[in-house]
Amino acid sequence: RTQYHLRDWLVSRQRYWGAPIPIIYCDDCGELPVPEEQLPVELPYDVDFAPTGESPLARSEDFHAVQCPKCGAKARRESDTMDTFVDSSWYFLRYASPHDTTRAFDPKAVGFWCPVDMYVGGAEHAVLHLLYSRFITKVLFDNGLVKFDEPFKTLKNPGLILGEGGEKMSKSRGNVINPDDVVEEWGADALRLYEMFMGDFEDKKPWDTKGISGVRRFLDRAHAMVHEVRHKGDEEPTPEMMRALHKCVKKVSADIEAFKFNTAIAAMMTLLNEWSAGNRGSRDFAATFVAMLSPFAPHLADELWKVLGMEGFALQAAWPWYDEAMTVDSTVTIAVQVNGKLRDKMEVEAGTGEEDLKARAYASAKIAPLLEGRVIAKTIVVKDKLVSIVLE
């Protein structure tokens, strides 16, 4: 048995901000809709916002002094406004044709852009917003006004940022972190980067003021390395560094698509560590790194973009390209097991054949003594990963 707890949606509100409900009250004709040619009904300016317990619109003379659209007699306009969810439940349709003054939305434009591929919103807000958006969309679909009955293909809820003690931030607990204070001390990019680095996008994450210092050091080092390239000039990166760069571009590209911002940032940190250790990098190498950094730390990235002599803004540049062949390791580490226990590791060329791997494993100084006087029942080979020897 399925039991629903839905109730009617009460859309009227006694407040100024909101879409006026287009209804006119006439003593003789009753409730009438505002004629279409008089739409939209706009909010008036002769209002008093002093708190009286009723809507500020209720005391606007210009707003209420109307004629009955049916008999022409004096009438009164509805002073309630609509719940703002009424507007936000279909704004994604309006975004497709925001300058169309003849209709709510252009069906052709909506057909091209909608449904929305990705909806990102906090869980506490999105619960109701999603419900209302689905309601409006399904009504429009049932009436043949849109060709889809679900407004969003995917929903992602960002996890709450908890207080340093792991509790939800609240004024009563005194554990609220003021973003302005963090920006003042560490900078906007450090705050932005740290919030993405804290953990998985949809998980709850406790704030740790000490953690932001590590992110700031990463940004400082990135700043230093780019300036070093500028002052020292081009130094051709080693083949190993170029492979590391291509791997990083591939990793960051995939992680952004998957909303795995924390692991994308970790990959850039690893690349910067290798770059710092090698201390060699060309202008193109540095520009690729800055372009990857720009969605995460846009202010610093644009400054470094200028330092490198690049035109425009870093975010306007084409996303870095990577060569798939450069992301494949030339050598791999093969684990060698005997009866399920790890006994050795071998460094071999990637793609080494099965028979060659077996021969090398059997001849290993650590494996050969274990095979003396024993019968090999079978050997399982997983390409580029594992040789597992099973003894009778």
Protein backbone atom coordinates (compact mmCIF):
# COMPACT_ATOMS: atom_id res chain seq x y z
CA ARG A 1 0.00 0.00 0.00
CA THR A 2 1.30 3.44 -0.93
CA GLN A 3 0.09 6.33 1.19
CA TYR A 4 0.67 9.87 -0.06
CA HIS A 5 0.92 12.86 2.27
CA LEU A 6 0.71 15.58 -0.36
CA ARG A 7 -1.49 18.57 0.37
CA ASP A 8 -2.80 21.41 -1.77
CA TRP A 9 -0.18 24.05 -2.55
CA LEU A 10 -1.21 27.32 -0.91
CA VAL A 11 0.43 29.87 -3.21
CA SER A 12 -0.78 33.19 -1.69
CA ARG A 13 1.55 35.28 0.46
CA GLN A 14 0.98 38.52 2.39
CA ARG A 15 4.20 40.20 1.35
CA TYR A 16 5.37 42.78 -1.17
CA TRP A 17 8.03 40.80 -3.02
CA GLY A 18 6.34 38.28 -5.26
CA ALA A 19 4.31 38.09 -8.45
CA PRO A 20 0.93 39.82 -7.91
CA ILE A 21 -2.02 37.45 -8.21
CA PRO A 22 -3.88 38.75 -11.31
CA ILE A 23 -7.40 38.79 -9.88
CA ILE A 24 -9.88 41.71 -9.63
CA TYR A 25 -12.83 41.80 -7.21
CA CYS A 26 -16.05 43.47 -8.32
CA ASP A 27 -19.08 43.83 -5.97
CA ASP A 28 -21.41 42.94 -8.85
CA CYS A 29 -19.39 40.57 -11.04
CA GLY A 30 -17.37 38.76 -8.37
CA GLU A 31 -13.81 37.49 -8.92
CA LEU A 32 -12.42 38.12 -12.40
CA PRO A 33 -9.03 37.53 -13.99
CA VAL A 34 -7.04 40.55 -15.13
CA PRO A 35 -7.47 40.84 -18.95
CA GLU A 36 -4.52 39.41 -20.86
CA GLU A 37 -3.72 42.74 -22.52
CA GLN A 38 -3.16 44.26 -19.05
CA LEU A 39 -0.60 41.65 -18.05
CA PRO A 40 1.84 41.55 -16.42
CA VAL A 41 0.59 43.17 -13.22
CA GLU A 42 3.57 45.06 -11.81
CA LEU A 43 4.30 45.92 -8.19
CA PRO A 44 3.58 49.55 -7.18
CA TYR A 45 6.02 51.99 -5.59
CA ASP A 46 3.60 53.87 -3.26
CA VAL A 47 3.93 51.38 -0.45
CA ASP A 48 4.70 51.68 3.25
CA PHE A 49 6.87 48.89 4.62
CA ALA A 50 6.14 49.69 8.27
CA PRO A 51 5.13 46.45 10.07
CA THR A 52 1.34 46.40 10.51
CA GLY A 53 0.62 42.70 10.20
CA GLU A 54 -0.68 42.94 6.64
CA SER A 55 0.89 43.11 3.20
CA PRO A 56 2.39 46.49 2.24
CA LEU A 57 0.35 46.18 -0.97
CA ALA A 58 -2.88 46.42 0.99
CA ARG A 59 -2.29 50.16 1.57
CA SER A 60 -1.34 51.10 -2.00
CA GLU A 61 -4.14 53.23 -3.46
CA ASP A 62 -2.79 53.22 -7.03
CA PHE A 63 -2.51 49.44 -7.01
CA HIS A 64 -6.11 48.86 -5.88
CA ALA A 65 -7.94 51.57 -7.82
CA VAL A 66 -9.05 49.59 -10.89
CA GLN A 67 -12.12 49.11 -13.00
CA CYS A 68 -14.03 45.90 -13.38
CA PRO A 69 -13.00 44.41 -16.73
CA LYS A 70 -16.58 43.19 -17.23
CA CYS A 71 -18.94 46.01 -16.16
CA GLY A 72 -16.55 48.97 -15.83
CA ALA A 73 -17.52 49.75 -12.23
CA LYS A 74 -15.01 50.51 -9.50
CA ALA A 75 -13.27 47.36 -8.36
CA ARG A 76 -10.37 46.22 -6.14
CA ARG A 77 -7.24 44.36 -7.11
CA GLU A 78 -6.05 41.30 -5.12
CA SER A 79 -3.28 42.40 -2.70
CA ASP A 80 -1.73 38.99 -2.05
CA THR A 81 1.34 37.93 -4.01
CA MET A 82 2.34 34.44 -5.07
CA ASP A 83 4.78 32.16 -3.31
CA THR A 84 8.18 32.78 -4.89
CA PHE A 85 8.39 29.04 -5.63
CA VAL A 86 5.73 29.70 -8.28
CA ASP A 87 8.34 31.68 -10.21
CA SER A 88 11.41 29.58 -9.44
CA SER A 89 9.64 26.34 -10.36
CA TRP A 90 9.83 27.22 -14.07
CA TYR A 91 12.69 29.74 -14.37
CA PHE A 92 14.82 27.19 -16.25
CA LEU A 93 12.27 27.36 -19.07
CA ARG A 94 12.45 31.16 -19.13
CA TYR A 95 16.26 31.09 -19.24
CA ALA A 96 16.04 29.54 -22.71
CA SER A 97 14.43 32.73 -24.12
CA PRO A 98 14.70 35.51 -21.51
CA HIS A 99 14.01 38.38 -23.93
CA ASP A 100 10.80 37.00 -25.45
CA THR A 101 8.06 39.53 -24.57
CA THR A 102 5.20 37.66 -26.21
CA ARG A 103 5.08 34.44 -24.18
CA ALA A 104 6.45 32.67 -21.15
CA PHE A 105 9.03 30.75 -23.19
CA ASP A 106 9.92 29.81 -26.75
CA PRO A 107 9.05 26.10 -27.26
CA LYS A 108 11.79 25.71 -29.87
CA ALA A 109 14.47 27.13 -27.56
CA VAL A 110 13.20 25.03 -24.65
CA GLY A 111 13.25 21.96 -26.86
CA PHE A 112 16.93 22.60 -27.59
CA TRP A 113 18.13 23.45 -24.07
CA CYS A 114 15.88 21.39 -21.82
CA PRO A 115 15.52 19.28 -19.80
CA VAL A 116 18.33 20.56 -17.59
CA ASP A 117 21.33 18.22 -17.60
CA MET A 118 22.52 18.95 -14.07
CA TYR A 119 20.68 20.52 -11.15
CA VAL A 120 22.88 21.49 -8.20
CA GLY A 121 21.13 22.65 -5.05
CA GLY A 122 21.24 22.30 -1.30
CA ALA A 123 19.10 19.43 -0.05
CA GLU A 124 17.08 21.56 2.37
CA HIS A 125 16.00 23.91 -0.42
CA ALA A 126 15.90 21.50 -3.33
CA VAL A 127 13.40 19.13 -1.70
CA LEU A 128 10.54 21.57 -2.19
CA HIS A 129 11.92 23.28 -5.28
CA LEU A 130 12.29 19.94 -7.05
CA LEU A 131 8.74 18.97 -6.06
CA TYR A 132 7.25 22.20 -7.44
CA SER A 133 9.40 22.14 -10.59
CA ARG A 134 8.29 18.60 -11.34
CA PHE A 135 4.68 19.57 -10.69
CA ILE A 136 4.79 22.54 -13.10
CA THR A 137 6.71 20.57 -15.74
CA LYS A 138 4.27 17.66 -15.65
CA VAL A 139 1.29 20.03 -16.02
CA LEU A 140 2.95 21.64 -19.04
CA PHE A 141 3.77 18.20 -20.46
CA ASP A 142 0.20 16.98 -20.01
CA ASN A 143 -0.99 20.05 -21.92
CA GLY A 144 1.46 19.53 -24.76
CA LEU A 145 3.48 22.69 -24.01
CA VAL A 146 6.80 20.87 -23.41
CA LYS A 147 8.04 17.53 -24.69
CA PHE A 148 9.51 16.20 -21.42
CA ASP A 149 7.86 15.36 -18.12
CA GLU A 150 10.92 15.61 -15.86
CA PRO A 151 12.67 19.00 -15.58
CA PHE A 152 16.14 17.77 -14.56
CA LYS A 153 18.16 14.76 -15.68
CA THR A 154 20.49 14.70 -12.66
CA LEU A 155 20.35 16.20 -9.18
CA LYS A 156 23.39 16.74 -6.95
CA ASN A 157 23.13 18.07 -3.41
CA PRO A 158 26.31 19.65 -2.04
CA GLY A 159 27.07 18.32 1.42
CA LEU A 160 26.74 20.59 4.43
CA ILE A 161 29.83 22.27 5.82
CA LEU A 162 29.74 21.39 9.52
CA GLY A 163 31.35 23.23 12.42
CA GLU A 164 34.83 22.27 13.62
CA GLY A 165 33.29 19.91 16.19
CA GLY A 166 31.37 18.02 13.49
CA GLU A 167 28.02 19.63 14.38
CA LYS A 168 25.80 21.67 12.09
CA MET A 169 26.73 25.34 12.14
CA SER A 170 24.29 27.52 14.09
CA LYS A 171 24.39 30.82 15.97
CA SER A 172 23.18 29.13 19.15
CA ARG A 173 26.20 26.79 19.13
CA GLY A 174 28.56 29.65 18.35
CA ASN A 175 30.33 27.57 15.69
CA VAL A 176 29.47 29.60 12.57
CA ILE A 177 32.41 30.36 10.28
CA ASN A 178 32.08 33.79 8.66
CA PRO A 179 33.30 33.51 5.03
CA ASP A 180 34.23 37.19 5.01
CA ASP A 181 36.70 36.60 7.85
CA VAL A 182 38.24 33.66 5.99
CA VAL A 183 38.56 35.69 2.79
CA GLU A 184 40.16 38.55 4.74
CA GLU A 185 42.82 36.26 6.20
CA TRP A 186 43.42 33.68 3.48
CA GLY A 187 41.90 35.06 0.26
CA ALA A 188 38.82 34.11 -1.76
CA ASP A 189 40.63 31.52 -3.87
CA ALA A 190 41.94 29.69 -0.81
CA LEU A 191 38.43 29.52 0.68
CA ARG A 192 36.95 28.33 -2.60
CA LEU A 193 39.67 25.73 -3.13
CA TYR A 194 39.53 24.44 0.44
CA GLU A 195 35.76 23.89 0.34
CA MET A 196 36.22 21.76 -2.78
CA PHE A 197 39.21 19.92 -1.32
CA MET A 198 37.52 19.00 1.99
CA GLY A 199 35.91 15.82 0.68
CA ASP A 200 33.38 14.32 -1.71
CA PHE A 201 30.93 16.88 -3.13
CA GLU A 202 27.81 15.33 -1.61
CA ASP A 203 29.26 14.36 1.79
CA LYS A 204 28.97 16.35 5.01
CA LYS A 205 32.35 17.84 5.86
CA PRO A 206 33.57 19.38 9.15
CA TRP A 207 35.39 22.68 8.82
CA ASP A 208 39.03 22.72 9.91
CA THR A 209 40.66 26.14 9.98
CA LYS A 210 44.10 24.49 10.04
CA GLY A 211 43.33 22.71 6.78
CA ILE A 212 42.98 25.91 4.78
CA SER A 213 46.63 26.78 5.43
CA GLY A 214 47.74 23.77 3.38
CA VAL A 215 45.61 24.87 0.45
CA ARG A 216 47.02 28.40 0.70
CA ARG A 217 50.58 26.99 0.60
CA PHE A 218 49.68 25.16 -2.62
CA LEU A 219 48.50 28.43 -4.19
CA ASP A 220 51.62 30.25 -2.99
CA ARG A 221 53.84 27.58 -4.54
CA ALA A 222 51.92 27.73 -7.80
CA HIS A 223 52.45 31.51 -7.80
CA ALA A 224 56.17 31.04 -7.18
CA MET A 225 56.66 28.41 -9.90
CA VAL A 226 54.94 30.48 -12.59
CA HIS A 227 57.02 33.55 -11.69
CA GLU A 228 60.14 31.39 -11.85
CA VAL A 229 59.25 30.31 -15.39
CA ARG A 230 58.79 33.95 -16.33
CA HIS A 231 62.15 35.03 -14.93
CA LYS A 232 64.24 31.99 -15.96
CA GLY A 233 62.67 31.58 -19.37
CA ASP A 234 61.71 28.36 -21.14
CA GLU A 235 63.38 25.19 -19.90
CA GLU A 236 62.17 22.15 -21.79
CA PRO A 237 60.43 19.75 -19.35
CA THR A 238 61.69 16.20 -19.17
CA PRO A 239 59.69 13.44 -20.88
CA GLU A 240 58.66 12.23 -17.43
CA MET A 241 57.30 15.68 -16.55
CA MET A 242 55.37 15.87 -19.82
CA ARG A 243 53.79 12.48 -19.11
CA ALA A 244 52.88 13.72 -15.64
CA LEU A 245 51.27 16.82 -17.17
CA HIS A 246 49.20 14.83 -19.67
CA LYS A 247 48.08 12.43 -16.93
CA CYS A 248 47.03 15.36 -14.77
CA VAL A 249 45.02 17.00 -17.55
CA LYS A 250 43.22 13.70 -18.17
CA LYS A 251 42.54 13.19 -14.45
CA VAL A 252 41.31 16.74 -13.79
CA SER A 253 39.12 16.72 -16.92
CA ALA A 254 37.39 13.49 -15.88
CA ASP A 255 37.06 14.54 -12.24
CA ILE A 256 35.39 17.84 -13.10
CA GLU A 257 32.78 16.00 -15.15
CA ALA A 258 32.21 13.60 -12.22
CA PHE A 259 32.09 16.40 -9.58
CA LYS A 260 35.17 14.90 -7.92
CA PHE A 261 36.75 18.26 -7.27
CA ASN A 262 38.76 17.08 -4.28
CA THR A 263 40.66 14.45 -6.26
CA ALA A 264 41.16 16.89 -9.16
CA ILE A 265 42.83 19.31 -6.76
CA ALA A 266 44.92 16.48 -5.30
CA ALA A 267 46.13 15.62 -8.82
CA MET A 268 47.22 19.23 -9.39
CA MET A 269 49.02 19.23 -6.04
CA THR A 270 50.90 16.08 -7.06
CA LEU A 271 51.88 17.62 -10.39
CA LEU A 272 53.10 20.79 -8.68
CA ASN A 273 55.23 18.69 -6.31
CA GLU A 274 56.89 16.93 -9.26
CA TRP A 275 57.29 20.23 -11.11
CA SER A 276 58.89 21.88 -8.06
CA ALA A 277 61.28 18.95 -7.59
CA GLY A 278 62.38 18.99 -11.23
CA ASN A 279 62.44 22.79 -11.28
CA ARG A 280 62.08 22.88 -15.04
CA GLY A 281 59.12 24.11 -17.01
CA SER A 282 58.31 25.95 -20.19
CA ARG A 283 55.80 28.75 -20.69
CA ASP A 284 53.42 26.29 -22.38
CA PHE A 285 53.75 23.85 -19.47
CA ALA A 286 52.97 26.60 -16.97
CA ALA A 287 50.04 27.90 -19.05
CA THR A 288 48.50 24.43 -19.15
CA PHE A 289 48.78 24.17 -15.38
CA VAL A 290 47.22 27.63 -14.89
CA ALA A 291 44.35 26.81 -17.27
CA MET A 292 43.57 23.69 -15.19
CA LEU A 293 43.72 25.75 -12.01
CA SER A 294 41.42 28.51 -13.28
CA PRO A 295 38.03 26.88 -12.50
CA PHE A 296 39.21 26.26 -8.94
CA ALA A 297 41.14 29.45 -8.16
CA PRO A 298 40.04 31.98 -10.80
CA HIS A 299 41.57 35.13 -9.30
CA LEU A 300 45.08 33.77 -8.93
CA ALA A 301 44.85 31.94 -12.26
CA ASP A 302 44.02 35.14 -14.15
CA GLU A 303 46.92 36.96 -12.47
CA LEU A 304 49.32 34.15 -13.43
CA TRP A 305 47.83 34.09 -16.94
CA LYS A 306 48.92 37.72 -17.33
CA VAL A 307 52.33 36.95 -15.80
CA LEU A 308 52.87 34.41 -18.58
CA GLY A 309 51.93 37.01 -21.19
CA MET A 310 48.74 35.24 -22.26
CA GLU A 311 45.81 37.18 -23.72
CA GLY A 312 42.32 37.47 -22.26
CA PHE A 313 41.26 35.52 -19.19
CA ALA A 314 42.35 32.01 -18.28
CA LEU A 315 38.73 30.80 -18.17
CA GLN A 316 38.23 32.00 -21.75
CA ALA A 317 41.06 29.84 -23.03
CA ALA A 318 40.43 26.45 -24.58
CA TRP A 319 40.55 23.63 -22.05
CA PRO A 320 43.96 21.89 -22.08
CA TRP A 321 44.38 19.00 -24.49
CA TYR A 322 46.09 15.74 -23.57
CA ASP A 323 47.60 12.96 -25.65
CA GLU A 324 46.17 9.60 -24.58
CA ALA A 325 49.44 7.88 -25.51
CA MET A 326 51.29 10.15 -23.07
CA THR A 327 49.05 9.04 -20.20
CA VAL A 328 50.11 5.40 -20.47
CA ASP A 329 53.09 4.37 -18.31
CA SER A 330 56.04 2.90 -20.20
CA THR A 331 56.66 0.55 -17.27
CA VAL A 332 54.32 -1.06 -14.77
CA THR A 333 54.71 -2.81 -11.42
CA ILE A 334 53.59 -6.44 -11.40
CA ALA A 335 52.58 -8.05 -8.11
CA VAL A 336 53.65 -11.70 -7.79
CA GLN A 337 51.62 -13.92 -5.46
CA VAL A 338 52.17 -17.49 -4.33
CA ASN A 339 49.06 -19.22 -2.98
CA GLY A 340 47.38 -15.85 -2.57
CA LYS A 341 50.18 -14.14 -0.63
CA LEU A 342 52.24 -11.28 -2.06
CA ARG A 343 55.84 -12.48 -2.36
CA ASP A 344 57.48 -10.11 -4.84
CA LYS A 345 57.04 -7.15 -7.19
CA MET A 346 58.52 -6.79 -10.67
CA GLU A 347 59.07 -3.65 -12.78
CA VAL A 348 58.43 -4.54 -16.44
CA GLU A 349 57.54 -2.81 -19.69
CA ALA A 350 53.84 -2.13 -20.10
CA GLY A 351 52.18 -4.73 -22.30
CA THR A 352 54.66 -7.52 -21.55
CA GLY A 353 53.23 -10.86 -22.74
CA GLU A 354 51.78 -13.53 -20.46
CA GLU A 355 54.48 -16.17 -21.05
CA ASP A 356 57.27 -13.66 -20.50
CA LEU A 357 55.67 -12.54 -17.21
CA LYS A 358 55.42 -16.14 -16.04
CA ALA A 359 59.07 -16.83 -16.89
CA ARG A 360 60.24 -13.71 -15.05
CA ALA A 361 58.11 -14.55 -12.02
CA TYR A 362 59.40 -18.15 -11.83
CA ALA A 363 63.00 -16.91 -12.10
CA SER A 364 62.64 -14.21 -9.45
CA ALA A 365 65.16 -14.50 -6.59
CA LYS A 366 62.30 -14.36 -4.09
CA ILE A 367 59.96 -16.73 -5.93
CA ALA A 368 62.31 -19.47 -7.22
CA PRO A 369 63.12 -20.91 -3.74
CA LEU A 370 59.39 -21.18 -3.00
CA LEU A 371 58.88 -23.29 -6.12
CA GLU A 372 61.66 -25.82 -5.49
CA GLY A 373 60.24 -29.35 -5.12
CA ARG A 374 56.70 -28.07 -5.59
CA VAL A 375 54.18 -28.63 -8.39
CA ILE A 376 52.56 -25.55 -9.94
CA ALA A 377 48.83 -26.26 -10.27
CA LYS A 378 48.13 -23.13 -12.28
CA THR A 379 49.34 -19.58 -12.88
CA ILE A 380 46.93 -16.71 -13.32
CA VAL A 381 48.14 -13.62 -15.18
CA VAL A 382 46.35 -10.28 -15.17
CA LYS A 383 47.94 -8.08 -17.82
CA ASP A 384 50.10 -5.25 -16.45
CA LYS A 385 49.00 -6.04 -12.89
CA LEU A 386 49.43 -9.51 -11.44
CA VAL A 387 51.02 -12.97 -11.64
CA SER A 388 49.37 -15.39 -9.20
CA ILE A 389 51.01 -18.80 -8.77
CA VAL A 390 48.95 -21.59 -7.22
CA LEU A 391 50.89 -24.60 -5.88
CA GLU A 392 49.52 -28.10 -5.29
